[in-house]
Amino acid sequence: MKKPVLVGILIVAVIVGIMAYSMMSLSNNRVEVCIEFNGRTTCKTARGADQETAIRTATDNACGEMVSGVTDTMNCTRSKPKSITILQK
């Protein structure tokens, strides 16, 4: 391979590595959220930069699996979680 191609591949690899590292280090908070809505319960685990983000993500994922339609989704995500378990800080 020519030197410019090798340098280009190396630069792309370094950028991808930095992005992967920064994304992994931002996800230090891991939680499990259980949501009960319309008689159904679903638990989901998520990571986030802070606990609030992780809880919101897990709640959104649980509601997304459990309900359909905009109104039910909004009502589900606004409901109080049945339980929140902090798995990692």
Protein backbone atom coordinates (compact mmCIF):
# COMPACT_ATOMS: atom_id res chain seq x y z
CA MET A 1 0.00 0.00 0.00
CA LYS A 2 1.02 3.56 -0.57
CA LYS A 3 1.97 5.72 2.36
CA PRO A 4 -0.98 8.20 2.04
CA VAL A 5 -3.50 5.33 2.06
CA LEU A 6 -1.87 3.80 5.15
CA VAL A 7 -1.88 7.16 6.94
CA GLY A 8 -5.56 7.67 6.02
CA ILE A 9 -6.51 4.25 7.39
CA LEU A 10 -4.54 4.94 10.57
CA ILE A 11 -6.27 8.31 11.09
CA VAL A 12 -9.73 6.77 10.63
CA ALA A 13 -8.87 3.96 13.06
CA VAL A 14 -7.71 6.46 15.70
CA ILE A 15 -10.88 8.55 15.30
CA VAL A 16 -13.11 5.47 15.61
CA GLY A 17 -11.16 4.34 18.68
CA ILE A 18 -11.52 7.73 20.36
CA MET A 19 -15.26 7.79 19.63
CA ALA A 20 -15.75 4.28 21.01
CA TYR A 21 -13.76 5.08 24.16
CA SER A 22 -15.64 8.31 24.82
CA MET A 23 -19.01 6.64 24.31
CA MET A 24 -18.13 3.83 26.71
CA SER A 25 -16.83 6.18 29.39
CA LEU A 26 -20.01 8.30 29.22
CA SER A 27 -22.16 5.28 30.02
CA ASN A 28 -21.05 4.72 33.60
CA ASN A 29 -24.56 4.63 35.08
CA ARG A 30 -26.54 1.44 34.55
CA VAL A 31 -30.07 0.95 35.87
CA GLU A 32 -32.99 -1.45 35.59
CA VAL A 33 -36.45 0.10 35.49
CA CYS A 34 -39.70 -1.85 35.83
CA ILE A 35 -42.83 -0.15 34.53
CA GLU A 36 -46.40 -1.25 35.22
CA PHE A 37 -48.96 0.12 32.77
CA ASN A 38 -52.46 -1.11 31.91
CA GLY A 39 -51.96 -4.30 33.92
CA ARG A 40 -48.68 -5.25 32.21
CA THR A 41 -45.19 -5.04 33.68
CA THR A 42 -41.93 -4.83 31.75
CA CYS A 43 -38.38 -4.34 33.02
CA LYS A 44 -35.55 -2.91 30.93
CA THR A 45 -31.90 -2.13 31.58
CA ALA A 46 -30.11 0.93 30.17
CA ARG A 47 -26.91 2.94 30.51
CA GLY A 48 -26.48 6.69 30.52
CA ALA A 49 -24.10 9.52 31.25
CA ASP A 50 -26.03 10.12 34.47
CA GLN A 51 -28.69 8.23 36.43
CA GLU A 52 -31.50 10.43 35.16
CA THR A 53 -30.60 9.71 31.54
CA ALA A 54 -30.26 5.99 32.19
CA ILE A 55 -33.65 5.88 33.95
CA ARG A 56 -35.33 7.83 31.13
CA THR A 57 -33.81 5.51 28.50
CA ALA A 58 -34.85 2.34 30.35
CA THR A 59 -38.36 3.75 30.86
CA ASP A 60 -38.69 4.65 27.18
CA ASN A 61 -37.49 1.18 26.15
CA ALA A 62 -39.89 -0.58 28.51
CA CYS A 63 -42.85 1.51 27.38
CA GLY A 64 -41.89 1.09 23.73
CA GLU A 65 -42.08 -2.67 24.08
CA MET A 66 -45.29 -2.69 26.08
CA VAL A 67 -47.61 -0.19 24.38
CA SER A 68 -48.46 1.10 20.95
CA GLY A 69 -49.73 4.47 19.84
CA VAL A 70 -48.66 7.94 20.75
CA THR A 71 -51.15 8.50 23.58
CA ASP A 72 -50.34 5.23 25.38
CA THR A 73 -46.61 5.79 24.92
CA MET A 74 -46.81 9.29 26.41
CA ASN A 75 -48.95 8.10 29.34
CA CYS A 76 -46.64 5.15 29.98
CA THR A 77 -43.44 7.19 29.97
CA ARG A 78 -45.02 9.71 32.36
CA SER A 79 -46.10 7.03 34.83
CA LYS A 80 -44.04 6.36 37.95
CA PRO A 81 -41.79 3.28 37.61
CA LYS A 82 -42.73 0.27 39.73
CA SER A 83 -39.06 -0.14 40.66
CA ILE A 84 -35.66 1.33 39.84
CA THR A 85 -32.54 -0.70 40.55
CA ILE A 86 -29.12 0.95 40.31
CA LEU A 87 -26.83 -1.66 38.80
CA GLN A 88 -23.63 0.32 38.28
CA LYS A 89 -22.34 3.78 39.11
